[in-house]
Amino acid sequence: VIQPLIGELIDGFADAGSADLMADFARRLPLPVMLRMM
């Protein structure tokens, strides 16, 4: 669950060279992890 989700999120912005790591990453990881656990 955790490693695949992290990989998917980083794939979405890595090549751009910039990102808002709160909006594009931090806020988009924990809830999907919990939802997949449920």
PDB file of all heavy atoms in Angstrom:
ATOM      1  N   VAL A   1       0.825  -1.211   0.000  1.00  0.00           N
ATOM      2  CA  VAL A   1       0.000   0.000   0.000  1.00  0.00           C
ATOM      3  C   VAL A   1       0.859   1.260   0.000  1.00  0.00           C
ATOM      4  O   VAL A   1       0.751   2.106  -0.890  1.00  0.00           O
ATOM      5  CB  VAL A   1      -0.959   0.008   1.215  1.00  0.00           C
ATOM      6  CG1 VAL A   1      -1.747   1.319   1.260  1.00  0.00           C
ATOM      7  CG2 VAL A   1      -1.923  -1.172   1.147  1.00  0.00           C
ATOM      8  N   ILE A   2       1.730   1.412   0.997  1.00  0.00           N
ATOM      9  CA  ILE A   2       2.438   2.676   1.192  1.00  0.00           C
ATOM     10  C   ILE A   2       3.446   2.938   0.079  1.00  0.00           C
ATOM     11  O   ILE A   2       3.442   4.018  -0.538  1.00  0.00           O
ATOM     12  CB  ILE A   2       3.138   2.695   2.566  1.00  0.00           C
ATOM     13  CG1 ILE A   2       2.100   2.577   3.687  1.00  0.00           C
ATOM     14  CG2 ILE A   2       3.947   3.976   2.735  1.00  0.00           C
ATOM     15  CD1 ILE A   2       2.697   2.416   5.076  1.00  0.00           C
ATOM     16  N   GLN A   3       4.314   1.983  -0.192  1.00  0.00           N
ATOM     17  CA  GLN A   3       5.346   2.197  -1.211  1.00  0.00           C
ATOM     18  C   GLN A   3       4.758   2.466  -2.596  1.00  0.00           C
ATOM     19  O   GLN A   3       5.202   3.398  -3.281  1.00  0.00           O
ATOM     20  CB  GLN A   3       6.309   1.009  -1.235  1.00  0.00           C
ATOM     21  CG  GLN A   3       7.185   0.913   0.009  1.00  0.00           C
ATOM     22  CD  GLN A   3       8.010  -0.369   0.047  1.00  0.00           C
ATOM     23  OE1 GLN A   3       7.884  -1.250  -0.813  1.00  0.00           O
ATOM     24  NE2 GLN A   3       8.850  -0.483   1.061  1.00  0.00           N
ATOM     25  N   PRO A   4       3.761   1.690  -3.047  1.00  0.00           N
ATOM     26  CA  PRO A   4       3.183   1.999  -4.366  1.00  0.00           C
ATOM     27  C   PRO A   4       2.540   3.381  -4.438  1.00  0.00           C
ATOM     28  O   PRO A   4       2.692   4.082  -5.449  1.00  0.00           O
ATOM     29  CB  PRO A   4       2.135   0.894  -4.558  1.00  0.00           C
ATOM     30  CG  PRO A   4       2.600  -0.235  -3.710  1.00  0.00           C
ATOM     31  CD  PRO A   4       3.230   0.417  -2.513  1.00  0.00           C
ATOM     32  N   LEU A   5       1.830   3.778  -3.382  1.00  0.00           N
ATOM     33  CA  LEU A   5       1.205   5.096  -3.399  1.00  0.00           C
ATOM     34  C   LEU A   5       2.240   6.212  -3.450  1.00  0.00           C
ATOM     35  O   LEU A   5       2.078   7.188  -4.186  1.00  0.00           O
ATOM     36  CB  LEU A   5       0.327   5.263  -2.161  1.00  0.00           C
ATOM     37  CG  LEU A   5      -1.076   4.646  -2.235  1.00  0.00           C
ATOM     38  CD1 LEU A   5      -1.739   4.669  -0.860  1.00  0.00           C
ATOM     39  CD2 LEU A   5      -1.942   5.388  -3.244  1.00  0.00           C
ATOM     40  N   ILE A   6       3.308   6.080  -2.667  1.00  0.00           N
ATOM     41  CA  ILE A   6       4.378   7.089  -2.697  1.00  0.00           C
ATOM     42  C   ILE A   6       4.979   7.179  -4.089  1.00  0.00           C
ATOM     43  O   ILE A   6       5.197   8.277  -4.621  1.00  0.00           O
ATOM     44  CB  ILE A   6       5.457   6.757  -1.650  1.00  0.00           C
ATOM     45  CG1 ILE A   6       4.912   6.970  -0.234  1.00  0.00           C
ATOM     46  CG2 ILE A   6       6.706   7.620  -1.868  1.00  0.00           C
ATOM     47  CD1 ILE A   6       5.852   6.497   0.860  1.00  0.00           C
ATOM     48  N   GLY A   7       5.240   6.026  -4.697  1.00  0.00           N
ATOM     49  CA  GLY A   7       5.802   6.020  -6.046  1.00  0.00           C
ATOM     50  C   GLY A   7       4.900   6.704  -7.051  1.00  0.00           C
ATOM     51  O   GLY A   7       5.369   7.481  -7.900  1.00  0.00           O
ATOM     52  N   GLU A   8       3.608   6.445  -6.974  1.00  0.00           N
ATOM     53  CA  GLU A   8       2.656   7.063  -7.894  1.00  0.00           C
ATOM     54  C   GLU A   8       2.643   8.577  -7.737  1.00  0.00           C
ATOM     55  O   GLU A   8       2.607   9.319  -8.736  1.00  0.00           O
ATOM     56  CB  GLU A   8       1.257   6.509  -7.639  1.00  0.00           C
ATOM     57  CG  GLU A   8       1.075   5.039  -8.010  1.00  0.00           C
ATOM     58  CD  GLU A   8      -0.244   4.486  -7.489  1.00  0.00           C
ATOM     59  OE1 GLU A   8      -1.127   5.297  -7.118  1.00  0.00           O
ATOM     60  OE2 GLU A   8      -0.399   3.253  -7.445  1.00  0.00           O
ATOM     61  N   LEU A   9       2.665   9.044  -6.501  1.00  0.00           N
ATOM     62  CA  LEU A   9       2.627  10.484  -6.271  1.00  0.00           C
ATOM     63  C   LEU A   9       3.903  11.168  -6.771  1.00  0.00           C
ATOM     64  O   LEU A   9       3.840  12.226  -7.411  1.00  0.00           O
ATOM     65  CB  LEU A   9       2.428  10.768  -4.783  1.00  0.00           C
ATOM     66  CG  LEU A   9       1.037  10.446  -4.223  1.00  0.00           C
ATOM     67  CD1 LEU A   9       1.040  10.552  -2.699  1.00  0.00           C
ATOM     68  CD2 LEU A   9      -0.018  11.366  -4.816  1.00  0.00           C
ATOM     69  N   ILE A  10       5.070  10.592  -6.489  1.00  0.00           N
ATOM     70  CA  ILE A  10       6.322  11.201  -6.939  1.00  0.00           C
ATOM     71  C   ILE A  10       6.399  11.176  -8.468  1.00  0.00           C
ATOM     72  O   ILE A  10       6.887  12.137  -9.084  1.00  0.00           O
ATOM     73  CB  ILE A  10       7.531  10.483  -6.311  1.00  0.00           C
ATOM     74  CG1 ILE A  10       7.530  10.683  -4.789  1.00  0.00           C
ATOM     75  CG2 ILE A  10       8.841  11.028  -6.896  1.00  0.00           C
ATOM     76  CD1 ILE A  10       8.640   9.955  -4.060  1.00  0.00           C
ATOM     77  N   ASP A  11       5.916  10.111  -9.084  1.00  0.00           N
ATOM     78  CA  ASP A  11       5.886  10.046 -10.553  1.00  0.00           C
ATOM     79  C   ASP A  11       5.143  11.236 -11.148  1.00  0.00           C
ATOM     80  O   ASP A  11       5.470  11.697 -12.250  1.00  0.00           O
ATOM     81  CB  ASP A  11       5.196   8.757 -11.021  1.00  0.00           C
ATOM     82  CG  ASP A  11       6.052   7.521 -10.813  1.00  0.00           C
ATOM     83  OD1 ASP A  11       7.266   7.666 -10.589  1.00  0.00           O
ATOM     84  OD2 ASP A  11       5.490   6.408 -10.856  1.00  0.00           O
ATOM     85  N   GLY A  12       4.151  11.729 -10.422  1.00  0.00           N
ATOM     86  CA  GLY A  12       3.319  12.800 -10.947  1.00  0.00           C
ATOM     87  C   GLY A  12       4.002  14.153 -11.015  1.00  0.00           C
ATOM     88  O   GLY A  12       3.533  15.024 -11.763  1.00  0.00           O
ATOM     89  N   PHE A  13       5.104  14.357 -10.268  1.00  0.00           N
ATOM     90  CA  PHE A  13       5.736  15.680 -10.297  1.00  0.00           C
ATOM     91  C   PHE A  13       7.254  15.648 -10.437  1.00  0.00           C
ATOM     92  O   PHE A  13       7.870  16.700 -10.613  1.00  0.00           O
ATOM     93  CB  PHE A  13       5.366  16.486  -9.045  1.00  0.00           C
ATOM     94  CG  PHE A  13       5.732  15.840  -7.725  1.00  0.00           C
ATOM     95  CD1 PHE A  13       7.050  15.789  -7.295  1.00  0.00           C
ATOM     96  CD2 PHE A  13       4.751  15.307  -6.906  1.00  0.00           C
ATOM     97  CE1 PHE A  13       7.389  15.210  -6.081  1.00  0.00           C
ATOM     98  CE2 PHE A  13       5.072  14.731  -5.684  1.00  0.00           C
ATOM     99  CZ  PHE A  13       6.391  14.682  -5.274  1.00  0.00           C
ATOM    100  N   ALA A  14       7.886  14.489 -10.388  1.00  0.00           N
ATOM    101  CA  ALA A  14       9.352  14.422 -10.338  1.00  0.00           C
ATOM    102  C   ALA A  14      10.011  15.127 -11.516  1.00  0.00           C
ATOM    103  O   ALA A  14      10.970  15.896 -11.340  1.00  0.00           O
ATOM    104  CB  ALA A  14       9.804  12.972 -10.269  1.00  0.00           C
ATOM    105  N   ASP A  15       9.511  14.896 -12.715  1.00  0.00           N
ATOM    106  CA  ASP A  15      10.165  15.458 -13.899  1.00  0.00           C
ATOM    107  C   ASP A  15       9.942  16.954 -14.058  1.00  0.00           C
ATOM    108  O   ASP A  15      10.640  17.606 -14.832  1.00  0.00           O
ATOM    109  CB  ASP A  15       9.675  14.736 -15.154  1.00  0.00           C
ATOM    110  CG  ASP A  15      10.161  13.289 -15.215  1.00  0.00           C
ATOM    111  OD1 ASP A  15      11.179  12.981 -14.564  1.00  0.00           O
ATOM    112  OD2 ASP A  15       9.510  12.476 -15.898  1.00  0.00           O
ATOM    113  N   ALA A  16       8.982  17.510 -13.336  1.00  0.00           N
ATOM    114  CA  ALA A  16       8.684  18.933 -13.461  1.00  0.00           C
ATOM    115  C   ALA A  16       9.743  19.801 -12.801  1.00  0.00           C
ATOM    116  O   ALA A  16       9.898  20.975 -13.145  1.00  0.00           O
ATOM    117  CB  ALA A  16       7.311  19.239 -12.861  1.00  0.00           C
ATOM    118  N   GLY A  17      10.462  19.253 -11.842  1.00  0.00           N
ATOM    119  CA  GLY A  17      11.499  20.020 -11.155  1.00  0.00           C
ATOM    120  C   GLY A  17      10.979  20.929 -10.060  1.00  0.00           C
ATOM    121  O   GLY A  17      11.770  21.596  -9.388  1.00  0.00           O
ATOM    122  N   SER A  18       9.669  20.974  -9.879  1.00  0.00           N
ATOM    123  CA  SER A  18       9.081  21.779  -8.813  1.00  0.00           C
ATOM    124  C   SER A  18       7.730  21.200  -8.446  1.00  0.00           C
ATOM    125  O   SER A  18       7.077  20.536  -9.258  1.00  0.00           O
ATOM    126  CB  SER A  18       8.927  23.245  -9.251  1.00  0.00           C
ATOM    127  OG  SER A  18       7.988  23.341 -10.307  1.00  0.00           O
ATOM    128  N   ALA A  19       7.316  21.456  -7.216  1.00  0.00           N
ATOM    129  CA  ALA A  19       6.010  20.985  -6.745  1.00  0.00           C
ATOM    130  C   ALA A  19       5.713  21.644  -5.411  1.00  0.00           C
ATOM    131  O   ALA A  19       6.620  22.079  -4.695  1.00  0.00           O
ATOM    132  CB  ALA A  19       5.998  19.464  -6.598  1.00  0.00           C
ATOM    133  N   ASP A  20       4.445  21.732  -5.094  1.00  0.00           N
ATOM    134  CA  ASP A  20       4.036  22.084  -3.741  1.00  0.00           C
ATOM    135  C   ASP A  20       3.914  20.766  -2.986  1.00  0.00           C
ATOM    136  O   ASP A  20       2.946  20.019  -3.192  1.00  0.00           O
ATOM    137  CB  ASP A  20       2.700  22.822  -3.751  1.00  0.00           C
ATOM    138  CG  ASP A  20       2.219  23.209  -2.354  1.00  0.00           C
ATOM    139  OD1 ASP A  20       2.759  22.660  -1.360  1.00  0.00           O
ATOM    140  OD2 ASP A  20       1.302  24.032  -2.245  1.00  0.00           O
ATOM    141  N   LEU A  21       4.882  20.466  -2.148  1.00  0.00           N
ATOM    142  CA  LEU A  21       4.924  19.152  -1.508  1.00  0.00           C
ATOM    143  C   LEU A  21       3.846  18.958  -0.450  1.00  0.00           C
ATOM    144  O   LEU A  21       3.658  17.831   0.014  1.00  0.00           O
ATOM    145  CB  LEU A  21       6.310  18.909  -0.910  1.00  0.00           C
ATOM    146  CG  LEU A  21       7.438  18.753  -1.936  1.00  0.00           C
ATOM    147  CD1 LEU A  21       8.767  18.448  -1.232  1.00  0.00           C
ATOM    148  CD2 LEU A  21       7.122  17.676  -2.955  1.00  0.00           C
ATOM    149  N   MET A  22       3.132  20.015  -0.065  1.00  0.00           N
ATOM    150  CA  MET A  22       1.946  19.819   0.774  1.00  0.00           C
ATOM    151  C   MET A  22       0.765  19.418  -0.094  1.00  0.00           C
ATOM    152  O   MET A  22       0.140  18.377   0.127  1.00  0.00           O
ATOM    153  CB  MET A  22       1.617  21.081   1.571  1.00  0.00           C
ATOM    154  CG  MET A  22       2.470  21.285   2.808  1.00  0.00           C
ATOM    155  SD  MET A  22       2.454  19.918   4.021  1.00  0.00           S
ATOM    156  CE  MET A  22       0.731  19.809   4.481  1.00  0.00           C
ATOM    157  N   ALA A  23       0.438  20.240  -1.089  1.00  0.00           N
ATOM    158  CA  ALA A  23      -0.747  19.987  -1.913  1.00  0.00           C
ATOM    159  C   ALA A  23      -0.585  18.755  -2.788  1.00  0.00           C
ATOM    160  O   ALA A  23      -1.536  17.975  -2.956  1.00  0.00           O
ATOM    161  CB  ALA A  23      -1.042  21.213  -2.779  1.00  0.00           C
ATOM    162  N   ASP A  24       0.610  18.555  -3.350  1.00  0.00           N
ATOM    163  CA  ASP A  24       0.821  17.479  -4.321  1.00  0.00           C
ATOM    164  C   ASP A  24       1.262  16.168  -3.698  1.00  0.00           C
ATOM    165  O   ASP A  24       1.253  15.133  -4.370  1.00  0.00           O
ATOM    166  CB  ASP A  24       1.877  17.908  -5.356  1.00  0.00           C
ATOM    167  CG  ASP A  24       1.476  19.159  -6.117  1.00  0.00           C
ATOM    168  OD1 ASP A  24       0.256  19.371  -6.285  1.00  0.00           O
ATOM    169  OD2 ASP A  24       2.369  19.926  -6.525  1.00  0.00           O
ATOM    170  N   PHE A  25       1.625  16.203  -2.416  1.00  0.00           N
ATOM    171  CA  PHE A  25       2.197  14.994  -1.826  1.00  0.00           C
ATOM    172  C   PHE A  25       1.687  14.720  -0.418  1.00  0.00           C
ATOM    173  O   PHE A  25       0.969  13.751  -0.173  1.00  0.00           O
ATOM    174  CB  PHE A  25       3.724  15.100  -1.830  1.00  0.00           C
ATOM    175  CG  PHE A  25       4.425  13.827  -1.468  1.00  0.00           C
ATOM    176  CD1 PHE A  25       4.366  12.733  -2.309  1.00  0.00           C
ATOM    177  CD2 PHE A  25       5.149  13.728  -0.297  1.00  0.00           C
ATOM    178  CE1 PHE A  25       5.019  11.545  -1.982  1.00  0.00           C
ATOM    179  CE2 PHE A  25       5.805  12.560   0.040  1.00  0.00           C
ATOM    180  CZ  PHE A  25       5.738  11.461  -0.808  1.00  0.00           C
ATOM    181  N   ALA A  26       2.029  15.589   0.546  1.00  0.00           N
ATOM    182  CA  ALA A  26       1.733  15.302   1.957  1.00  0.00           C
ATOM    183  C   ALA A  26       0.245  15.111   2.208  1.00  0.00           C
ATOM    184  O   ALA A  26      -0.155  14.218   2.964  1.00  0.00           O
ATOM    185  CB  ALA A  26       2.280  16.422   2.842  1.00  0.00           C
ATOM    186  N   ARG A  27      -0.585  15.946   1.574  1.00  0.00           N
ATOM    187  CA  ARG A  27      -2.032  15.834   1.807  1.00  0.00           C
ATOM    188  C   ARG A  27      -2.666  14.706   0.999  1.00  0.00           C
ATOM    189  O   ARG A  27      -3.838  14.386   1.215  1.00  0.00           O
ATOM    190  CB  ARG A  27      -2.719  17.164   1.466  1.00  0.00           C
ATOM    191  CG  ARG A  27      -2.386  18.286   2.431  1.00  0.00           C
ATOM    192  CD  ARG A  27      -3.386  19.440   2.300  1.00  0.00           C
ATOM    193  NE  ARG A  27      -3.017  20.547   3.178  1.00  0.00           N
ATOM    194  CZ  ARG A  27      -2.381  21.641   2.779  1.00  0.00           C
ATOM    195  NH1 ARG A  27      -2.042  21.774   1.508  1.00  0.00           N
ATOM    196  NH2 ARG A  27      -2.081  22.598   3.637  1.00  0.00           N
ATOM    197  N   ARG A  28      -1.909  14.110   0.100  1.00  0.00           N
ATOM    198  CA  ARG A  28      -2.499  13.103  -0.786  1.00  0.00           C
ATOM    199  C   ARG A  28      -2.027  11.683  -0.498  1.00  0.00           C
ATOM    200  O   ARG A  28      -2.370  10.763  -1.242  1.00  0.00           O
ATOM    201  CB  ARG A  28      -2.197  13.456  -2.248  1.00  0.00           C
ATOM    202  CG  ARG A  28      -2.866  14.745  -2.665  1.00  0.00           C
ATOM    203  CD  ARG A  28      -2.825  15.001  -4.151  1.00  0.00           C
ATOM    204  NE  ARG A  28      -3.686  16.133  -4.469  1.00  0.00           N
ATOM    205  CZ  ARG A  28      -4.992  16.069  -4.670  1.00  0.00           C
ATOM    206  NH1 ARG A  28      -5.601  14.898  -4.574  1.00  0.00           N
ATOM    207  NH2 ARG A  28      -5.697  17.142  -4.942  1.00  0.00           N
ATOM    208  N   LEU A  29      -1.289  11.508   0.579  1.00  0.00           N
ATOM    209  CA  LEU A  29      -0.824  10.158   0.901  1.00  0.00           C
ATOM    210  C   LEU A  29      -1.572   9.497   2.064  1.00  0.00           C
ATOM    211  O   LEU A  29      -2.071   8.378   1.898  1.00  0.00           O
ATOM    212  CB  LEU A  29       0.681  10.186   1.203  1.00  0.00           C
ATOM    213  CG  LEU A  29       1.280   8.834   1.618  1.00  0.00           C
ATOM    214  CD1 LEU A  29       1.170   7.819   0.484  1.00  0.00           C
ATOM    215  CD2 LEU A  29       2.719   8.990   2.067  1.00  0.00           C
ATOM    216  N   PRO A  30      -1.686  10.108   3.243  1.00  0.00           N
ATOM    217  CA  PRO A  30      -2.215   9.361   4.391  1.00  0.00           C
ATOM    218  C   PRO A  30      -3.638   8.859   4.221  1.00  0.00           C
ATOM    219  O   PRO A  30      -3.948   7.722   4.585  1.00  0.00           O
ATOM    220  CB  PRO A  30      -2.124  10.366   5.548  1.00  0.00           C
ATOM    221  CG  PRO A  30      -1.102  11.352   5.120  1.00  0.00           C
ATOM    222  CD  PRO A  30      -1.245  11.463   3.643  1.00  0.00           C
ATOM    223  N   LEU A  31      -4.529   9.688   3.676  1.00  0.00           N
ATOM    224  CA  LEU A  31      -5.914   9.251   3.557  1.00  0.00           C
ATOM    225  C   LEU A  31      -6.071   8.072   2.595  1.00  0.00           C
ATOM    226  O   LEU A  31      -6.748   7.087   2.934  1.00  0.00           O
ATOM    227  CB  LEU A  31      -6.811  10.416   3.138  1.00  0.00           C
ATOM    228  CG  LEU A  31      -8.290  10.078   3.042  1.00  0.00           C
ATOM    229  CD1 LEU A  31      -8.825   9.511   4.347  1.00  0.00           C
ATOM    230  CD2 LEU A  31      -9.096  11.302   2.619  1.00  0.00           C
ATOM    231  N   PRO A  32      -5.468   8.092   1.404  1.00  0.00           N
ATOM    232  CA  PRO A  32      -5.558   6.895   0.558  1.00  0.00           C
ATOM    233  C   PRO A  32      -4.992   5.643   1.225  1.00  0.00           C
ATOM    234  O   PRO A  32      -5.510   4.538   1.005  1.00  0.00           O
ATOM    235  CB  PRO A  32      -4.737   7.276  -0.683  1.00  0.00           C
ATOM    236  CG  PRO A  32      -4.819   8.751  -0.746  1.00  0.00           C
ATOM    237  CD  PRO A  32      -4.843   9.216   0.679  1.00  0.00           C
ATOM    238  N   VAL A  33      -3.927   5.792   2.037  1.00  0.00           N
ATOM    239  CA  VAL A  33      -3.409   4.638   2.763  1.00  0.00           C
ATOM    240  C   VAL A  33      -4.486   4.071   3.674  1.00  0.00           C
ATOM    241  O   VAL A  33      -4.753   2.859   3.697  1.00  0.00           O
ATOM    242  CB  VAL A  33      -2.151   5.022   3.579  1.00  0.00           C
ATOM    243  CG1 VAL A  33      -1.774   3.904   4.557  1.00  0.00           C
ATOM    244  CG2 VAL A  33      -0.976   5.315   2.655  1.00  0.00           C
ATOM    245  N   MET A  34      -5.130   4.945   4.461  1.00  0.00           N
ATOM    246  CA  MET A  34      -6.177   4.489   5.370  1.00  0.00           C
ATOM    247  C   MET A  34      -7.345   3.861   4.614  1.00  0.00           C
ATOM    248  O   MET A  34      -7.885   2.825   5.008  1.00  0.00           O
ATOM    249  CB  MET A  34      -6.679   5.661   6.229  1.00  0.00           C
ATOM    250  CG  MET A  34      -5.653   6.250   7.159  1.00  0.00           C
ATOM    251  SD  MET A  34      -5.148   5.081   8.451  1.00  0.00           S
ATOM    252  CE  MET A  34      -3.898   6.051   9.294  1.00  0.00           C
ATOM    253  N   LEU A  35      -7.752   4.484   3.516  1.00  0.00           N
ATOM    254  CA  LEU A  35      -8.878   3.959   2.754  1.00  0.00           C
ATOM    255  C   LEU A  35      -8.567   2.587   2.170  1.00  0.00           C
ATOM    256  O   LEU A  35      -9.426   1.697   2.153  1.00  0.00           O
ATOM    257  CB  LEU A  35      -9.255   4.937   1.644  1.00  0.00           C
ATOM    258  CG  LEU A  35      -9.850   6.270   2.106  1.00  0.00           C
ATOM    259  CD1 LEU A  35     -10.038   7.211   0.927  1.00  0.00           C
ATOM    260  CD2 LEU A  35     -11.170   6.062   2.825  1.00  0.00           C
ATOM    261  N   ARG A  36      -7.344   2.388   1.710  1.00  0.00           N
ATOM    262  CA  ARG A  36      -6.970   1.072   1.186  1.00  0.00           C
ATOM    263  C   ARG A  36      -6.913   0.032   2.293  1.00  0.00           C
ATOM    264  O   ARG A  36      -7.240  -1.134   2.071  1.00  0.00           O
ATOM    265  CB  ARG A  36      -5.634   1.150   0.443  1.00  0.00           C
ATOM    266  CG  ARG A  36      -5.728   1.924  -0.863  1.00  0.00           C
ATOM    267  CD  ARG A  36      -4.497   1.754  -1.738  1.00  0.00           C
ATOM    268  NE  ARG A  36      -4.580   2.615  -2.914  1.00  0.00           N
ATOM    269  CZ  ARG A  36      -3.705   2.606  -3.917  1.00  0.00           C
ATOM    270  NH1 ARG A  36      -2.654   1.785  -3.874  1.00  0.00           N
ATOM    271  NH2 ARG A  36      -3.846   3.423  -4.944  1.00  0.00           N
ATOM    272  N   MET A  37      -6.506   0.445   3.487  1.00  0.00           N
ATOM    273  CA  MET A  37      -6.524  -0.484   4.624  1.00  0.00           C
ATOM    274  C   MET A  37      -7.950  -0.904   4.959  1.00  0.00           C
ATOM    275  O   MET A  37      -8.204  -2.026   5.399  1.00  0.00           O
ATOM    276  CB  MET A  37      -5.866   0.171   5.832  1.00  0.00           C
ATOM    277  CG  MET A  37      -4.348   0.271   5.715  1.00  0.00           C
ATOM    278  SD  MET A  37      -3.613   1.558   6.761  1.00  0.00           S
ATOM    279  CE  MET A  37      -4.347   1.242   8.337  1.00  0.00           C
ATOM    280  N   MET A  38      -8.903   0.013   4.752  1.00  0.00           N
ATOM    281  CA  MET A  38     -10.307  -0.298   4.998  1.00  0.00           C
ATOM    282  C   MET A  38     -10.991  -0.878   3.761  1.00  0.00           C
ATOM    283  O   MET A  38     -12.166  -1.220   3.807  1.00  0.00           O
ATOM    284  CB  MET A  38     -11.041   0.965   5.445  1.00  0.00           C
ATOM    285  CG  MET A  38     -10.619   1.473   6.815  1.00  0.00           C
ATOM    286  SD  MET A  38     -11.595   2.895   7.390  1.00  0.00           S
ATOM    287  CE  MET A  38     -10.880   4.225   6.423  1.00  0.00           C
TER     288      MET A  38
END
